[in-house]
Amino acid sequence: MAQTPESTSSEDSRTLGESGTKPSEDKAVTTSLVPWEHLDQFGFFPGLMETIKQVMLHPIRFFGNSTFGPGIGKALVFYLLIAEIQALAQFFWQMTGVVPMMGDSAGGAALGLGMMGMGSAFILIMYPLILTVMLFAMVGINHLCLVVFKAADQGFVGTFKAVTYGSAPMVLAIFPLMGPLAGALWTMVTTFFGYKHIHQTTTTKVVLAMLLPVLFTGFLVMLFFLLGTMSPEVVQPS
């Protein structure tokens, strides 16, 4: 018996999810969520690991298709977790002797013993506070550079999330020696895609905005160097 339009419509309506979309569309919506911002669905560790994986392996898809929640609280916590992992990894490798301590061996050993005594409190309390202040300063400077080139359509929050989620590759610091360097370079790439796709701007504007702090810092260093070489010599009286 041929199906009437009403019966076809009824069958189609049964295939719709609660959100009013078909299963394939529901899947698309789910994959566009930021796992870290939906821990009630993904769980803490799966949400953290999935977010890191998406940022590192699919930054264009992550920053281009994800639906970010309002505010910056969850992004800030994500950044601090990555930073804590990095700090603890470096501390571990220094204490095991794989990575050399800062300063001479005696000073490094003393620093290490001191960190063992107060390290937990410092890393868990003071270090996140210092990092938060430094993060806001860094994001502020980067956002100002993006504004200069008219590449900050999503405002400070957009820049903040590009920087914080873009820092995911810094987990590579768990590997000694080359891990931190590889993580830093990878972070530059993911942050670039974060700026480009969150603010929906051009590659040229993002590159110029990212180069501006480097060029400005280089200019200041050169200026101080020239001022130092041009300073008159003080003639000592005989």
C-alpha atoms as a PDB file:
ATOM      1  CA  MET A   1       0.000   0.000   0.000  1.00  0.00           C
ATOM      2  CA  ALA A   2       1.412   3.404  -0.952  1.00  0.00           C
ATOM      3  CA  GLN A   3       2.365   5.666   1.854  1.00  0.00           C
ATOM      4  CA  THR A   4       0.447   8.885   2.230  1.00  0.00           C
ATOM      5  CA  PRO A   5       2.287  12.165   2.822  1.00  0.00           C
ATOM      6  CA  GLU A   6       0.923  12.096   6.357  1.00  0.00           C
ATOM      7  CA  SER A   7       2.428   8.667   7.103  1.00  0.00           C
ATOM      8  CA  THR A   8       5.766   9.666   5.587  1.00  0.00           C
ATOM      9  CA  SER A   9       5.796  12.804   7.671  1.00  0.00           C
ATOM     10  CA  SER A  10       4.960  10.757  10.754  1.00  0.00           C
ATOM     11  CA  GLU A  11       7.868   8.376  10.132  1.00  0.00           C
ATOM     12  CA  ASP A  12      10.221  11.280   9.563  1.00  0.00           C
ATOM     13  CA  SER A  13       9.122  12.859  12.819  1.00  0.00           C
ATOM     14  CA  ARG A  14      10.000   9.645  14.690  1.00  0.00           C
ATOM     15  CA  THR A  15      13.568   9.870  13.380  1.00  0.00           C
ATOM     16  CA  LEU A  16      14.087  13.281  14.906  1.00  0.00           C
ATOM     17  CA  GLY A  17      15.939  13.668  18.163  1.00  0.00           C
ATOM     18  CA  GLU A  18      14.826  15.701  21.101  1.00  0.00           C
ATOM     19  CA  SER A  19      16.550  18.732  19.634  1.00  0.00           C
ATOM     20  CA  GLY A  20      14.404  18.528  16.494  1.00  0.00           C
ATOM     21  CA  THR A  21      17.249  17.383  14.247  1.00  0.00           C
ATOM     22  CA  LYS A  22      17.937  14.068  12.611  1.00  0.00           C
ATOM     23  CA  PRO A  23      20.509  11.669  14.138  1.00  0.00           C
ATOM     24  CA  SER A  24      23.224  12.710  11.707  1.00  0.00           C
ATOM     25  CA  GLU A  25      22.633  16.334  12.599  1.00  0.00           C
ATOM     26  CA  ASP A  26      22.686  15.511  16.325  1.00  0.00           C
ATOM     27  CA  LYS A  27      26.078  13.894  15.818  1.00  0.00           C
ATOM     28  CA  ALA A  28      27.362  17.001  14.064  1.00  0.00           C
ATOM     29  CA  VAL A  29      26.209  19.146  16.966  1.00  0.00           C
ATOM     30  CA  THR A  30      27.889  16.829  19.484  1.00  0.00           C
ATOM     31  CA  THR A  31      31.226  16.830  17.674  1.00  0.00           C
ATOM     32  CA  SER A  32      31.155  20.641  17.532  1.00  0.00           C
ATOM     33  CA  LEU A  33      31.038  20.941  21.305  1.00  0.00           C
ATOM     34  CA  VAL A  34      34.189  21.789  23.228  1.00  0.00           C
ATOM     35  CA  PRO A  35      34.633  18.675  25.404  1.00  0.00           C
ATOM     36  CA  TRP A  36      36.261  20.624  28.237  1.00  0.00           C
ATOM     37  CA  GLU A  37      33.253  22.931  28.431  1.00  0.00           C
ATOM     38  CA  HIS A  38      30.841  19.980  28.656  1.00  0.00           C
ATOM     39  CA  LEU A  39      32.370  17.747  31.298  1.00  0.00           C
ATOM     40  CA  ASP A  40      28.914  16.605  32.338  1.00  0.00           C
ATOM     41  CA  GLN A  41      28.751  14.777  29.005  1.00  0.00           C
ATOM     42  CA  PHE A  42      32.381  13.796  28.473  1.00  0.00           C
ATOM     43  CA  GLY A  43      33.731  13.386  31.999  1.00  0.00           C
ATOM     44  CA  PHE A  44      36.753  15.174  33.474  1.00  0.00           C
ATOM     45  CA  PHE A  45      39.730  13.242  32.129  1.00  0.00           C
ATOM     46  CA  PRO A  46      38.094  12.200  28.822  1.00  0.00           C
ATOM     47  CA  GLY A  47      36.982  15.802  28.280  1.00  0.00           C
ATOM     48  CA  LEU A  48      40.457  17.133  29.035  1.00  0.00           C
ATOM     49  CA  MET A  49      42.233  14.614  26.819  1.00  0.00           C
ATOM     50  CA  GLU A  50      39.751  14.962  23.971  1.00  0.00           C
ATOM     51  CA  THR A  51      40.112  18.755  23.993  1.00  0.00           C
ATOM     52  CA  ILE A  52      43.909  18.483  23.938  1.00  0.00           C
ATOM     53  CA  LYS A  53      43.731  15.979  21.076  1.00  0.00           C
ATOM     54  CA  GLN A  54      41.357  18.098  19.017  1.00  0.00           C
ATOM     55  CA  VAL A  55      43.439  21.251  19.453  1.00  0.00           C
ATOM     56  CA  MET A  56      46.718  19.517  18.606  1.00  0.00           C
ATOM     57  CA  LEU A  57      45.556  17.351  15.710  1.00  0.00           C
ATOM     58  CA  HIS A  58      42.622  19.287  14.275  1.00  0.00           C
ATOM     59  CA  PRO A  59      43.064  22.973  15.214  1.00  0.00           C
ATOM     60  CA  ILE A  60      41.205  24.292  12.156  1.00  0.00           C
ATOM     61  CA  ARG A  61      38.173  22.126  12.903  1.00  0.00           C
ATOM     62  CA  PHE A  62      38.344  22.858  16.633  1.00  0.00           C
ATOM     63  CA  PHE A  63      38.544  26.631  16.389  1.00  0.00           C
ATOM     64  CA  GLY A  64      36.419  26.880  13.247  1.00  0.00           C
ATOM     65  CA  ASN A  65      33.504  24.601  14.101  1.00  0.00           C
ATOM     66  CA  SER A  66      33.357  24.429  17.892  1.00  0.00           C
ATOM     67  CA  THR A  67      30.689  26.227  19.848  1.00  0.00           C
ATOM     68  CA  PHE A  68      32.373  28.013  22.735  1.00  0.00           C
ATOM     69  CA  GLY A  69      30.421  28.793  25.861  1.00  0.00           C
ATOM     70  CA  PRO A  70      30.173  32.275  27.374  1.00  0.00           C
ATOM     71  CA  GLY A  71      32.775  33.591  29.767  1.00  0.00           C
ATOM     72  CA  ILE A  72      36.423  32.679  30.253  1.00  0.00           C
ATOM     73  CA  GLY A  73      36.376  30.638  33.478  1.00  0.00           C
ATOM     74  CA  LYS A  74      36.586  27.174  31.922  1.00  0.00           C
ATOM     75  CA  ALA A  75      39.202  28.266  29.399  1.00  0.00           C
ATOM     76  CA  LEU A  76      41.282  29.739  32.233  1.00  0.00           C
ATOM     77  CA  VAL A  77      41.127  26.500  34.235  1.00  0.00           C
ATOM     78  CA  PHE A  78      42.136  24.536  31.129  1.00  0.00           C
ATOM     79  CA  TYR A  79      45.185  26.771  30.648  1.00  0.00           C
ATOM     80  CA  LEU A  80      46.195  26.495  34.299  1.00  0.00           C
ATOM     81  CA  LEU A  81      45.926  22.698  34.198  1.00  0.00           C
ATOM     82  CA  ILE A  82      48.183  22.555  31.154  1.00  0.00           C
ATOM     83  CA  ALA A  83      50.649  24.892  32.879  1.00  0.00           C
ATOM     84  CA  GLU A  84      50.596  22.792  36.072  1.00  0.00           C
ATOM     85  CA  ILE A  85      51.299  19.627  34.066  1.00  0.00           C
ATOM     86  CA  GLN A  86      54.200  21.395  32.360  1.00  0.00           C
ATOM     87  CA  ALA A  87      55.637  22.691  35.650  1.00  0.00           C
ATOM     88  CA  LEU A  88      55.333  19.359  37.447  1.00  0.00           C
ATOM     89  CA  ALA A  89      56.933  17.524  34.519  1.00  0.00           C
ATOM     90  CA  GLN A  90      59.895  19.884  34.424  1.00  0.00           C
ATOM     91  CA  PHE A  91      60.279  19.669  38.200  1.00  0.00           C
ATOM     92  CA  PHE A  92      60.274  15.875  37.994  1.00  0.00           C
ATOM     93  CA  TRP A  93      62.885  15.740  35.244  1.00  0.00           C
ATOM     94  CA  GLN A  94      65.094  18.207  37.118  1.00  0.00           C
ATOM     95  CA  MET A  95      64.918  16.195  40.334  1.00  0.00           C
ATOM     96  CA  THR A  96      65.795  12.978  38.477  1.00  0.00           C
ATOM     97  CA  GLY A  97      68.782  14.675  36.845  1.00  0.00           C
ATOM     98  CA  VAL A  98      67.532  14.256  33.282  1.00  0.00           C
ATOM     99  CA  VAL A  99      67.223  18.028  32.867  1.00  0.00           C
ATOM    100  CA  PRO A 100      69.934  20.174  34.518  1.00  0.00           C
ATOM    101  CA  MET A 101      69.002  22.477  37.355  1.00  0.00           C
ATOM    102  CA  MET A 102      69.253  26.215  36.938  1.00  0.00           C
ATOM    103  CA  GLY A 103      72.560  27.543  38.189  1.00  0.00           C
ATOM    104  CA  ASP A 104      75.473  25.474  39.455  1.00  0.00           C
ATOM    105  CA  SER A 105      75.068  21.986  40.858  1.00  0.00           C
ATOM    106  CA  ALA A 106      75.147  23.054  44.521  1.00  0.00           C
ATOM    107  CA  GLY A 107      72.674  25.849  43.967  1.00  0.00           C
ATOM    108  CA  GLY A 108      70.467  23.621  41.855  1.00  0.00           C
ATOM    109  CA  ALA A 109      70.455  20.912  44.489  1.00  0.00           C
ATOM    110  CA  ALA A 110      69.565  23.424  47.185  1.00  0.00           C
ATOM    111  CA  LEU A 111      66.780  24.778  45.003  1.00  0.00           C
ATOM    112  CA  GLY A 112      65.500  21.274  44.432  1.00  0.00           C
ATOM    113  CA  LEU A 113      65.476  20.444  48.133  1.00  0.00           C
ATOM    114  CA  GLY A 114      63.727  23.722  48.854  1.00  0.00           C
ATOM    115  CA  MET A 115      61.110  22.972  46.225  1.00  0.00           C
ATOM    116  CA  MET A 116      60.533  19.562  47.784  1.00  0.00           C
ATOM    117  CA  GLY A 117      59.723  21.310  51.050  1.00  0.00           C
ATOM    118  CA  MET A 118      57.540  24.122  49.760  1.00  0.00           C
ATOM    119  CA  GLY A 119      57.029  23.025  46.158  1.00  0.00           C
ATOM    120  CA  SER A 120      53.564  21.565  46.619  1.00  0.00           C
ATOM    121  CA  ALA A 121      52.163  24.744  48.142  1.00  0.00           C
ATOM    122  CA  PHE A 122      53.921  26.937  45.590  1.00  0.00           C
ATOM    123  CA  ILE A 123      52.914  24.905  42.534  1.00  0.00           C
ATOM    124  CA  LEU A 124      49.320  24.448  43.655  1.00  0.00           C
ATOM    125  CA  ILE A 125      48.640  27.963  45.017  1.00  0.00           C
ATOM    126  CA  MET A 126      51.120  30.669  44.104  1.00  0.00           C
ATOM    127  CA  TYR A 127      52.096  29.407  40.670  1.00  0.00           C
ATOM    128  CA  PRO A 128      48.512  29.519  39.290  1.00  0.00           C
ATOM    129  CA  LEU A 129      48.043  33.048  40.655  1.00  0.00           C
ATOM    130  CA  ILE A 130      51.252  34.255  39.011  1.00  0.00           C
ATOM    131  CA  LEU A 131      50.327  32.486  35.788  1.00  0.00           C
ATOM    132  CA  THR A 132      46.886  34.085  35.767  1.00  0.00           C
ATOM    133  CA  VAL A 133      48.337  37.586  36.051  1.00  0.00           C
ATOM    134  CA  MET A 134      50.884  36.859  33.322  1.00  0.00           C
ATOM    135  CA  LEU A 135      48.196  35.286  31.117  1.00  0.00           C
ATOM    136  CA  PHE A 136      45.922  38.332  31.262  1.00  0.00           C
ATOM    137  CA  ALA A 137      48.870  40.607  30.490  1.00  0.00           C
ATOM    138  CA  MET A 138      49.905  38.444  27.526  1.00  0.00           C
ATOM    139  CA  VAL A 139      46.370  38.167  26.169  1.00  0.00           C
ATOM    140  CA  GLY A 140      45.898  41.906  26.574  1.00  0.00           C
ATOM    141  CA  ILE A 141      49.009  42.663  24.526  1.00  0.00           C
ATOM    142  CA  ASN A 142      48.106  40.124  21.854  1.00  0.00           C
ATOM    143  CA  HIS A 143      44.553  41.407  21.671  1.00  0.00           C
ATOM    144  CA  LEU A 144      45.789  44.973  21.276  1.00  0.00           C
ATOM    145  CA  CYS A 145      47.955  43.844  18.364  1.00  0.00           C
ATOM    146  CA  LEU A 146      44.964  42.135  16.763  1.00  0.00           C
ATOM    147  CA  VAL A 147      42.899  45.289  17.239  1.00  0.00           C
ATOM    148  CA  VAL A 148      45.604  47.329  15.490  1.00  0.00           C
ATOM    149  CA  PHE A 149      45.144  45.206  12.366  1.00  0.00           C
ATOM    150  CA  LYS A 150      41.349  45.022  12.768  1.00  0.00           C
ATOM    151  CA  ALA A 151      41.475  41.277  13.402  1.00  0.00           C
ATOM    152  CA  ALA A 152      39.617  40.993  16.726  1.00  0.00           C
ATOM    153  CA  ASP A 153      35.939  40.740  15.796  1.00  0.00           C
ATOM    154  CA  GLN A 154      35.093  38.438  18.736  1.00  0.00           C
ATOM    155  CA  GLY A 155      36.619  40.763  21.309  1.00  0.00           C
ATOM    156  CA  PHE A 156      38.896  40.011  24.242  1.00  0.00           C
ATOM    157  CA  VAL A 157      37.088  36.776  25.089  1.00  0.00           C
ATOM    158  CA  GLY A 158      37.803  35.397  21.611  1.00  0.00           C
ATOM    159  CA  THR A 159      41.502  36.204  21.922  1.00  0.00           C
ATOM    160  CA  PHE A 160      41.552  34.737  25.436  1.00  0.00           C
ATOM    161  CA  LYS A 161      40.129  31.420  24.268  1.00  0.00           C
ATOM    162  CA  ALA A 162      42.495  31.261  21.310  1.00  0.00           C
ATOM    163  CA  VAL A 163      45.465  31.645  23.669  1.00  0.00           C
ATOM    164  CA  THR A 164      44.230  29.346  26.435  1.00  0.00           C
ATOM    165  CA  TYR A 165      42.991  26.465  24.294  1.00  0.00           C
ATOM    166  CA  GLY A 166      45.857  27.007  21.875  1.00  0.00           C
ATOM    167  CA  SER A 167      48.264  26.197  24.707  1.00  0.00           C
ATOM    168  CA  ALA A 168      47.237  22.521  24.642  1.00  0.00           C
ATOM    169  CA  PRO A 169      50.469  21.353  22.909  1.00  0.00           C
ATOM    170  CA  MET A 170      52.471  22.454  25.951  1.00  0.00           C
ATOM    171  CA  VAL A 171      51.607  19.066  27.459  1.00  0.00           C
ATOM    172  CA  LEU A 172      54.566  17.859  25.383  1.00  0.00           C
ATOM    173  CA  ALA A 173      56.683  19.204  28.247  1.00  0.00           C
ATOM    174  CA  ILE A 174      56.131  15.819  29.897  1.00  0.00           C
ATOM    175  CA  PHE A 175      58.904  14.674  27.574  1.00  0.00           C
ATOM    176  CA  PRO A 176      62.332  15.947  28.671  1.00  0.00           C
ATOM    177  CA  LEU A 177      64.740  18.098  26.683  1.00  0.00           C
ATOM    178  CA  MET A 178      62.976  18.659  23.328  1.00  0.00           C
ATOM    179  CA  GLY A 179      59.428  18.381  24.677  1.00  0.00           C
ATOM    180  CA  PRO A 180      59.065  22.005  25.862  1.00  0.00           C
ATOM    181  CA  LEU A 181      60.536  23.383  22.623  1.00  0.00           C
ATOM    182  CA  ALA A 182      58.278  21.225  20.458  1.00  0.00           C
ATOM    183  CA  GLY A 183      55.301  22.227  22.602  1.00  0.00           C
ATOM    184  CA  ALA A 184      56.101  25.934  22.284  1.00  0.00           C
ATOM    185  CA  LEU A 185      56.409  25.764  18.498  1.00  0.00           C
ATOM    186  CA  TRP A 186      53.241  23.692  18.191  1.00  0.00           C
ATOM    187  CA  THR A 187      51.435  26.171  20.455  1.00  0.00           C
ATOM    188  CA  MET A 188      52.341  29.015  18.100  1.00  0.00           C
ATOM    189  CA  VAL A 189      50.681  27.117  15.256  1.00  0.00           C
ATOM    190  CA  THR A 190      47.501  26.248  17.166  1.00  0.00           C
ATOM    191  CA  THR A 191      47.208  29.783  18.550  1.00  0.00           C
ATOM    192  CA  PHE A 192      47.534  31.139  15.011  1.00  0.00           C
ATOM    193  CA  PHE A 193      44.580  29.023  13.911  1.00  0.00           C
ATOM    194  CA  GLY A 194      42.723  30.116  17.028  1.00  0.00           C
ATOM    195  CA  TYR A 195      43.099  33.795  16.147  1.00  0.00           C
ATOM    196  CA  LYS A 196      42.255  33.214  12.498  1.00  0.00           C
ATOM    197  CA  HIS A 197      39.110  31.129  12.944  1.00  0.00           C
ATOM    198  CA  ILE A 198      37.665  32.543  16.168  1.00  0.00           C
ATOM    199  CA  HIS A 199      37.972  36.109  14.896  1.00  0.00           C
ATOM    200  CA  GLN A 200      37.217  35.012  11.309  1.00  0.00           C
ATOM    201  CA  THR A 201      39.998  37.103   9.880  1.00  0.00           C
ATOM    202  CA  THR A 202      42.749  36.710   7.285  1.00  0.00           C
ATOM    203  CA  THR A 203      46.085  34.945   7.519  1.00  0.00           C
ATOM    204  CA  THR A 204      47.986  38.152   6.755  1.00  0.00           C
ATOM    205  CA  LYS A 205      46.385  40.092   9.601  1.00  0.00           C
ATOM    206  CA  VAL A 206      47.049  37.313  12.107  1.00  0.00           C
ATOM    207  CA  VAL A 207      50.681  36.934  11.049  1.00  0.00           C
ATOM    208  CA  LEU A 208      51.251  40.692  11.326  1.00  0.00           C
ATOM    209  CA  ALA A 209      49.556  40.806  14.728  1.00  0.00           C
ATOM    210  CA  MET A 210      51.690  37.927  16.017  1.00  0.00           C
ATOM    211  CA  LEU A 211      54.880  39.493  14.670  1.00  0.00           C
ATOM    212  CA  LEU A 212      54.181  42.950  16.088  1.00  0.00           C
ATOM    213  CA  PRO A 213      55.213  42.165  19.720  1.00  0.00           C
ATOM    214  CA  VAL A 214      58.379  40.457  18.469  1.00  0.00           C
ATOM    215  CA  LEU A 215      59.290  43.413  16.254  1.00  0.00           C
ATOM    216  CA  PHE A 216      58.498  45.898  19.019  1.00  0.00           C
ATOM    217  CA  THR A 217      60.626  43.978  21.532  1.00  0.00           C
ATOM    218  CA  GLY A 218      63.475  43.779  19.027  1.00  0.00           C
ATOM    219  CA  PHE A 219      63.195  47.526  18.433  1.00  0.00           C
ATOM    220  CA  LEU A 220      63.431  48.244  22.166  1.00  0.00           C
ATOM    221  CA  VAL A 221      66.458  45.960  22.580  1.00  0.00           C
ATOM    222  CA  MET A 222      68.210  47.637  19.668  1.00  0.00           C
ATOM    223  CA  LEU A 223      67.323  51.085  21.018  1.00  0.00           C
ATOM    224  CA  PHE A 224      68.740  50.328  24.466  1.00  0.00           C
ATOM    225  CA  PHE A 225      71.844  48.837  22.876  1.00  0.00           C
ATOM    226  CA  LEU A 226      72.414  51.947  20.745  1.00  0.00           C
ATOM    227  CA  LEU A 227      71.835  54.248  23.708  1.00  0.00           C
ATOM    228  CA  GLY A 228      74.335  52.231  25.717  1.00  0.00           C
ATOM    229  CA  THR A 229      77.033  52.395  23.045  1.00  0.00           C
ATOM    230  CA  MET A 230      76.463  56.135  22.474  1.00  0.00           C
ATOM    231  CA  SER A 231      76.692  57.105  26.160  1.00  0.00           C
ATOM    232  CA  PRO A 232      79.736  59.322  26.833  1.00  0.00           C
ATOM    233  CA  GLU A 233      82.600  57.768  28.693  1.00  0.00           C
ATOM    234  CA  VAL A 234      83.238  59.094  32.159  1.00  0.00           C
ATOM    235  CA  VAL A 235      86.771  60.450  32.453  1.00  0.00           C
ATOM    236  CA  GLN A 236      88.287  59.567  35.795  1.00  0.00           C
ATOM    237  CA  PRO A 237      90.278  62.459  37.366  1.00  0.00           C
ATOM    238  CA  SER A 238      93.993  61.774  37.611  1.00  0.00           C
END
